[in-house]
């Protein structure tokens, strides 16, 4: 195991504008720590990095015939932090019909699409922004479908005491102490643990004996755009086609697995900077032997698109 510190510097011209400390951990298939950065024992919120495993429980609750009928892009949307681009919304329409869930049942709330171009397009067309545009709407469709099929009334499906949410926590608690005392941005329970627990959970994505995880893994490998979106880090990493799967979480978190190596990892930018996350991820992957296919400098741009600075990694 290697142990060191990684700082991500944000430069504006010749001035270091901010410095971001990275906490990270990587474990092999036995759970042994192979990389440790900063303080990986700090409690972190999983946010959207939990979505593959929330979906795992939902898929297990649905009829086998229905799951077999779903396409890879449907499954991918179930773990998505999607950008509400037109093809995301079209697929959500199909998925809602397959699951027999009405969009009015969604309790995730509405927010503007993450993708700015898509948002501007909808505004010009006079479209109303709804819960369907929420980046978590696919996860919520599957949760509601699971309630209708197995877990009972969906009225309080986001309550930590609902049978669906208790089953998700029971699945994850096999790997260590996890708390659900906080609420995620979409209203669902948000998991809290140290980074090692999160990394170990991500290690289960290689499980070939789980039908649900097999479908999730296949969907992530074949349809990464659907669980991410244009110019998103998860899509960029997975679309290289090298067995790397990741899922970002808000406030500078990302977790993932190198399927060929059987190594899973979790990374947190300590001050919550999402902007520092790409370079931190590339640096951790490099330490794990997964070198970037393109080694260009990560630039910072102003609102006009003019380069005004760059990102640098400093190893302590």
Protein backbone atom coordinates (compact mmCIF):
# COMPACT_ATOMS: atom_id res chain seq x y z
CA UNK A 1 0.00 0.00 0.00
CA UNK A 2 1.18 3.50 -0.82
CA UNK A 3 0.30 6.44 1.42
CA UNK A 4 0.75 10.10 0.51
CA UNK A 5 -1.07 13.38 0.05
CA UNK A 6 -2.48 14.90 -3.11
CA UNK A 7 -3.38 18.58 -3.52
CA UNK A 8 -5.12 19.96 -6.60
CA UNK A 9 -4.15 23.54 -7.43
CA UNK A 10 -6.38 25.88 -9.36
CA UNK A 11 -4.34 28.45 -11.27
CA UNK A 12 -5.64 31.69 -12.77
CA UNK A 13 -2.85 32.92 -14.99
CA UNK A 14 0.30 32.90 -12.86
CA UNK A 15 -1.56 32.92 -9.54
CA UNK A 16 -2.61 29.88 -7.48
CA UNK A 17 -6.20 30.79 -6.78
CA UNK A 18 -7.16 27.82 -4.60
CA UNK A 19 -5.81 24.51 -3.31
CA UNK A 20 -7.97 21.43 -2.78
CA UNK A 21 -6.97 18.49 -0.55
CA UNK A 22 -7.86 14.99 -1.79
CA UNK A 23 -8.92 12.08 0.40
CA UNK A 24 -9.00 8.74 -1.40
CA UNK A 25 -8.74 5.00 -0.97
CA UNK A 26 -8.53 1.99 -3.27
CA UNK A 27 -9.04 -1.67 -2.34
CA UNK A 28 -8.50 -4.92 -4.21
CA UNK A 29 -10.97 -7.80 -4.55
CA UNK A 30 -10.06 -9.08 -1.07
CA UNK A 31 -10.70 -5.70 0.54
CA UNK A 32 -7.00 -5.00 1.10
CA UNK A 33 -6.08 -1.33 0.83
CA UNK A 34 -3.77 -0.70 -2.14
CA UNK A 35 -3.81 3.11 -2.10
CA UNK A 36 -4.52 5.65 0.62
CA UNK A 37 -4.46 9.44 0.27
CA UNK A 38 -5.08 12.11 2.87
CA UNK A 39 -7.57 10.95 5.49
CA UNK A 40 -9.86 8.25 4.03
CA UNK A 41 -11.35 7.60 7.50
CA UNK A 42 -13.32 10.88 7.41
CA UNK A 43 -17.08 10.50 7.13
CA UNK A 44 -18.39 11.44 3.68
CA UNK A 45 -21.82 11.60 2.07
CA UNK A 46 -22.19 9.16 -0.82
CA UNK A 47 -24.72 11.25 -2.73
CA UNK A 48 -25.20 9.90 -6.27
CA UNK A 49 -22.34 7.40 -5.98
CA UNK A 50 -24.90 5.16 -4.23
CA UNK A 51 -27.19 4.93 -7.25
CA UNK A 52 -26.03 1.60 -8.75
CA UNK A 53 -26.82 -0.14 -5.46
CA UNK A 54 -30.12 1.61 -4.90
CA UNK A 55 -31.00 0.39 -8.39
CA UNK A 56 -29.83 -3.12 -7.49
CA UNK A 57 -32.57 -3.37 -4.87
CA UNK A 58 -35.19 -1.94 -7.23
CA UNK A 59 -34.30 -4.43 -9.99
CA UNK A 60 -34.45 -7.34 -7.56
CA UNK A 61 -37.99 -6.31 -6.66
CA UNK A 62 -39.30 -6.13 -10.23
CA UNK A 63 -40.72 -9.11 -12.17
CA UNK A 64 -38.06 -11.00 -14.12
CA UNK A 65 -40.00 -10.65 -17.38
CA UNK A 66 -40.12 -6.87 -17.00
CA UNK A 67 -36.41 -6.59 -16.24
CA UNK A 68 -35.59 -8.78 -19.25
CA UNK A 69 -37.66 -6.45 -21.46
CA UNK A 70 -35.79 -3.32 -20.39
CA UNK A 71 -33.05 -1.98 -22.65
CA UNK A 72 -29.56 -1.09 -21.48
CA UNK A 73 -30.34 2.63 -21.75
CA UNK A 74 -33.38 2.12 -19.51
CA UNK A 75 -31.25 0.43 -16.86
CA UNK A 76 -28.56 3.12 -17.19
CA UNK A 77 -31.11 5.84 -16.50
CA UNK A 78 -31.99 4.05 -13.28
CA UNK A 79 -28.56 4.93 -11.85
CA UNK A 80 -28.18 8.22 -13.67
CA UNK A 81 -27.32 11.73 -12.74
CA UNK A 82 -28.55 12.62 -16.19
CA UNK A 83 -28.35 16.00 -17.87
CA UNK A 84 -31.97 16.03 -19.12
CA UNK A 85 -30.95 16.19 -22.76
CA UNK A 86 -33.68 15.26 -25.27
CA UNK A 87 -32.75 11.57 -25.56
CA UNK A 88 -32.70 11.28 -21.78
CA UNK A 89 -36.27 12.61 -21.64
CA UNK A 90 -37.45 10.36 -24.48
CA UNK A 91 -36.06 7.30 -22.73
CA UNK A 92 -37.61 8.37 -19.43
CA UNK A 93 -40.99 8.46 -21.19
CA UNK A 94 -40.48 4.88 -22.38
CA UNK A 95 -39.28 3.78 -18.96
CA UNK A 96 -42.24 5.27 -17.13
CA UNK A 97 -44.60 3.27 -19.35
CA UNK A 98 -42.63 0.05 -18.87
CA UNK A 99 -42.64 0.48 -15.10
CA UNK A 100 -46.24 1.75 -15.09
CA UNK A 101 -45.22 4.77 -13.05
CA UNK A 102 -46.73 8.19 -13.64
CA UNK A 103 -44.37 11.16 -13.49
CA UNK A 104 -46.81 12.79 -11.08
CA UNK A 105 -45.73 10.18 -8.51
CA UNK A 106 -42.13 11.45 -8.46
CA UNK A 107 -41.17 13.16 -5.21
CA UNK A 108 -37.66 14.21 -6.28
CA UNK A 109 -38.71 17.75 -7.16
CA UNK A 110 -37.80 19.79 -10.23
CA UNK A 111 -34.58 21.58 -11.07
CA UNK A 112 -33.18 23.04 -14.31
CA UNK A 113 -31.38 20.55 -16.57
CA UNK A 114 -27.68 20.17 -15.80
CA UNK A 115 -26.93 20.57 -19.51
CA UNK A 116 -27.08 24.31 -20.27
CA UNK A 117 -27.78 23.89 -23.99
CA UNK A 118 -30.72 21.59 -23.26
CA UNK A 119 -32.08 24.00 -20.66
CA UNK A 120 -31.90 26.91 -23.09
CA UNK A 121 -33.65 24.82 -25.75
CA UNK A 122 -36.54 24.01 -23.42
CA UNK A 123 -36.84 27.64 -22.34
CA UNK A 124 -37.04 28.82 -25.96
CA UNK A 125 -39.73 26.21 -26.61
CA UNK A 126 -41.69 27.36 -23.56
CA UNK A 127 -41.46 23.94 -21.90
CA UNK A 128 -42.15 23.71 -18.19
CA UNK A 129 -39.35 22.28 -16.05
CA UNK A 130 -40.68 19.32 -14.05
CA UNK A 131 -39.45 16.47 -11.88
CA UNK A 132 -38.68 14.59 -15.09
CA UNK A 133 -35.77 17.00 -15.66
CA UNK A 134 -34.34 16.22 -12.22
CA UNK A 135 -31.06 14.34 -12.68
CA UNK A 136 -32.32 11.64 -10.26
CA UNK A 137 -35.68 11.02 -11.95
CA UNK A 138 -34.62 7.65 -13.37
CA UNK A 139 -33.69 6.36 -9.92
CA UNK A 140 -37.04 7.50 -8.58
CA UNK A 141 -38.96 5.83 -11.41
CA UNK A 142 -37.33 2.51 -10.50
CA UNK A 143 -37.96 3.04 -6.79
CA UNK A 144 -41.63 3.66 -7.47
CA UNK A 145 -41.79 0.66 -9.80
CA UNK A 146 -40.25 -1.48 -7.06
CA UNK A 147 -42.87 -0.24 -4.60
CA UNK A 148 -45.75 -1.07 -6.92
CA UNK A 149 -44.31 -4.52 -7.62
CA UNK A 150 -43.10 -5.58 -4.18
CA UNK A 151 -42.60 -3.04 -1.39
CA UNK A 152 -46.15 -1.74 -1.03
CA UNK A 153 -47.48 1.79 -0.91
CA UNK A 154 -45.22 4.33 -2.65
CA UNK A 155 -46.71 7.25 -0.72
CA UNK A 156 -43.77 7.46 1.71
CA UNK A 157 -41.20 5.74 -0.51
CA UNK A 158 -38.46 8.23 0.44
CA UNK A 159 -38.80 7.71 4.18
CA UNK A 160 -35.84 5.89 5.76
CA UNK A 161 -38.45 3.66 7.44
CA UNK A 162 -40.06 2.56 4.16
CA UNK A 163 -39.42 -1.15 3.39
CA UNK A 164 -37.63 -0.18 0.16
CA UNK A 165 -35.17 2.12 1.91
CA UNK A 166 -34.63 -0.34 4.77
CA UNK A 167 -33.78 -3.05 2.23
CA UNK A 168 -31.22 -0.80 0.52
CA UNK A 169 -29.55 -0.01 3.84
CA UNK A 170 -29.56 -3.69 4.80
CA UNK A 171 -27.75 -4.53 1.55
CA UNK A 172 -25.07 -1.87 2.11
CA UNK A 173 -24.56 -2.49 5.83
CA UNK A 174 -22.84 -5.79 5.04
CA UNK A 175 -19.72 -3.77 4.27
CA UNK A 176 -19.46 -1.63 7.39
CA UNK A 177 -21.18 1.05 9.39
CA UNK A 178 -23.42 3.24 7.26
CA UNK A 179 -25.74 5.94 8.53
CA UNK A 180 -28.82 7.43 6.87
CA UNK A 181 -29.36 10.38 9.16
CA UNK A 182 -29.14 12.94 6.35
CA UNK A 183 -31.24 13.55 3.24
CA UNK A 184 -29.99 13.70 -0.34
CA UNK A 185 -30.79 16.51 -2.76
CA UNK A 186 -33.59 14.47 -4.33
CA UNK A 187 -35.21 13.66 -0.98
CA UNK A 188 -33.98 10.06 -0.68
CA UNK A 189 -31.91 8.88 2.30
CA UNK A 190 -28.25 9.82 1.85
CA UNK A 191 -25.65 7.32 3.01
CA UNK A 192 -22.74 8.36 5.23
CA UNK A 193 -19.61 6.31 5.88
CA UNK A 194 -15.86 6.41 5.49
CA UNK A 195 -14.37 6.07 2.02
CA UNK A 196 -13.29 2.46 2.49
CA UNK A 197 -16.85 1.23 2.94
CA UNK A 198 -17.89 3.06 -0.20
CA UNK A 199 -14.97 1.58 -2.17
CA UNK A 200 -15.77 -1.93 -0.94
CA UNK A 201 -19.40 -1.60 -2.00
CA UNK A 202 -18.26 -0.54 -5.46
CA UNK A 203 -16.15 -3.69 -5.60
CA UNK A 204 -19.36 -5.72 -5.81
CA UNK A 205 -20.01 -4.40 -9.34
CA UNK A 206 -17.76 -7.18 -10.63
CA UNK A 207 -20.08 -9.82 -9.10
CA UNK A 208 -21.02 -12.20 -11.93
CA UNK A 209 -23.40 -14.20 -9.72
CA UNK A 210 -25.84 -11.33 -9.20
CA UNK A 211 -28.34 -10.94 -12.07
CA UNK A 212 -29.13 -7.36 -11.04
CA UNK A 213 -25.47 -6.28 -10.85
CA UNK A 214 -24.78 -8.06 -14.12
CA UNK A 215 -27.50 -6.01 -15.83
CA UNK A 216 -26.24 -2.82 -14.20
CA UNK A 217 -22.64 -3.50 -15.19
CA UNK A 218 -23.66 -4.29 -18.78
CA UNK A 219 -25.74 -1.11 -19.02
CA UNK A 220 -22.94 1.05 -17.66
CA UNK A 221 -20.44 -0.42 -20.09
CA UNK A 222 -22.66 -0.15 -23.16
CA UNK A 223 -24.64 3.05 -22.45
CA UNK A 224 -22.50 5.41 -20.34
CA UNK A 225 -24.05 8.52 -21.87
CA UNK A 226 -27.44 7.59 -20.46
CA UNK A 227 -26.27 7.53 -16.85
CA UNK A 228 -24.26 10.70 -17.33
CA UNK A 229 -24.51 13.08 -20.27
CA UNK A 230 -22.53 15.17 -22.72
CA UNK A 231 -19.18 16.46 -21.41
CA UNK A 232 -19.66 14.70 -18.05
CA UNK A 233 -16.75 12.98 -16.31
CA UNK A 234 -18.43 9.57 -15.92
CA UNK A 235 -19.23 9.47 -19.63
CA UNK A 236 -15.72 10.53 -20.62
CA UNK A 237 -14.10 7.85 -18.46
CA UNK A 238 -16.42 4.97 -19.36
CA UNK A 239 -16.53 5.75 -23.09
CA UNK A 240 -12.83 4.95 -23.38
CA UNK A 241 -13.96 1.32 -23.29
CA UNK A 242 -11.28 0.11 -20.89
CA UNK A 243 -13.39 -1.43 -18.15
CA UNK A 244 -13.47 1.68 -15.96
CA UNK A 245 -16.85 2.51 -14.40
CA UNK A 246 -17.42 5.52 -12.15
CA UNK A 247 -20.21 7.53 -10.63
CA UNK A 248 -19.82 11.07 -9.40
CA UNK A 249 -21.57 12.36 -6.33
CA UNK A 250 -22.21 15.98 -5.43
CA UNK A 251 -19.68 17.97 -3.39
CA UNK A 252 -16.54 16.56 -4.97
CA UNK A 253 -17.14 12.81 -4.61
CA UNK A 254 -16.53 10.01 -7.11
CA UNK A 255 -16.40 6.23 -6.73
CA UNK A 256 -15.58 3.56 -9.26
CA UNK A 257 -14.06 0.25 -10.23
CA UNK A 258 -11.36 -0.95 -12.60
CA UNK A 259 -13.01 -4.17 -13.70
CA UNK A 260 -9.90 -5.71 -15.28
CA UNK A 261 -7.84 -5.15 -12.13
CA UNK A 262 -10.59 -5.90 -9.61
CA UNK A 263 -9.71 -2.64 -7.84
CA UNK A 264 -12.40 -0.30 -6.57
CA UNK A 265 -11.90 3.20 -5.22
CA UNK A 266 -13.55 6.24 -3.66
CA UNK A 267 -12.31 9.83 -3.91
CA UNK A 268 -13.45 12.94 -2.08
CA UNK A 269 -12.32 16.53 -2.61
CA UNK A 270 -12.25 17.59 1.02
CA UNK A 271 -13.70 21.07 0.48
CA UNK A 272 -16.41 19.72 -1.87
CA UNK A 273 -15.07 21.17 -5.12
CA UNK A 274 -16.56 19.42 -8.15
CA UNK A 275 -14.20 21.40 -10.40
CA UNK A 276 -11.12 19.83 -8.78
CA UNK A 277 -12.53 16.30 -9.15
CA UNK A 278 -11.46 15.47 -12.75
CA UNK A 279 -7.73 15.99 -12.19
CA UNK A 280 -7.86 14.27 -8.80
CA UNK A 281 -9.55 11.29 -10.44
CA UNK A 282 -6.98 11.11 -13.24
CA UNK A 283 -4.14 11.29 -10.71
CA UNK A 284 -5.57 8.50 -8.55
CA UNK A 285 -6.19 6.34 -11.62
CA UNK A 286 -2.61 6.93 -12.74
CA UNK A 287 -1.36 5.70 -9.38
CA UNK A 288 -3.50 2.59 -9.91
CA UNK A 289 -1.90 1.95 -13.30
CA UNK A 290 -4.75 3.33 -15.42
CA UNK A 291 -3.10 6.05 -17.53
CA UNK A 292 -5.15 8.65 -19.37
CA UNK A 293 -5.52 8.13 -23.09
CA UNK A 294 -5.10 11.89 -23.55
CA UNK A 295 -2.63 13.69 -21.30
CA UNK A 296 -3.64 17.25 -22.11
CA UNK A 297 -3.48 20.02 -19.52
CA UNK A 298 -6.84 20.61 -17.89
CA UNK A 299 -7.63 24.25 -18.59
CA UNK A 300 -9.93 26.71 -16.88
CA UNK A 301 -12.10 28.93 -19.09
CA UNK A 302 -14.11 32.07 -18.50
CA UNK A 303 -17.75 32.42 -19.59
CA UNK A 304 -16.64 33.46 -23.08
CA UNK A 305 -14.67 30.26 -23.50
CA UNK A 306 -11.26 31.92 -23.26
CA UNK A 307 -8.59 29.92 -21.37
CA UNK A 308 -7.70 31.84 -18.21
CA UNK A 309 -5.89 29.23 -16.15
CA UNK A 310 -5.25 25.57 -15.54
CA UNK A 311 -5.25 22.78 -12.93
CA UNK A 312 -2.12 21.21 -11.44
CA UNK A 313 -1.63 18.19 -9.18
CA UNK A 314 0.90 18.39 -6.32
CA UNK A 315 1.95 15.21 -4.56
CA UNK A 316 3.21 15.64 -1.00
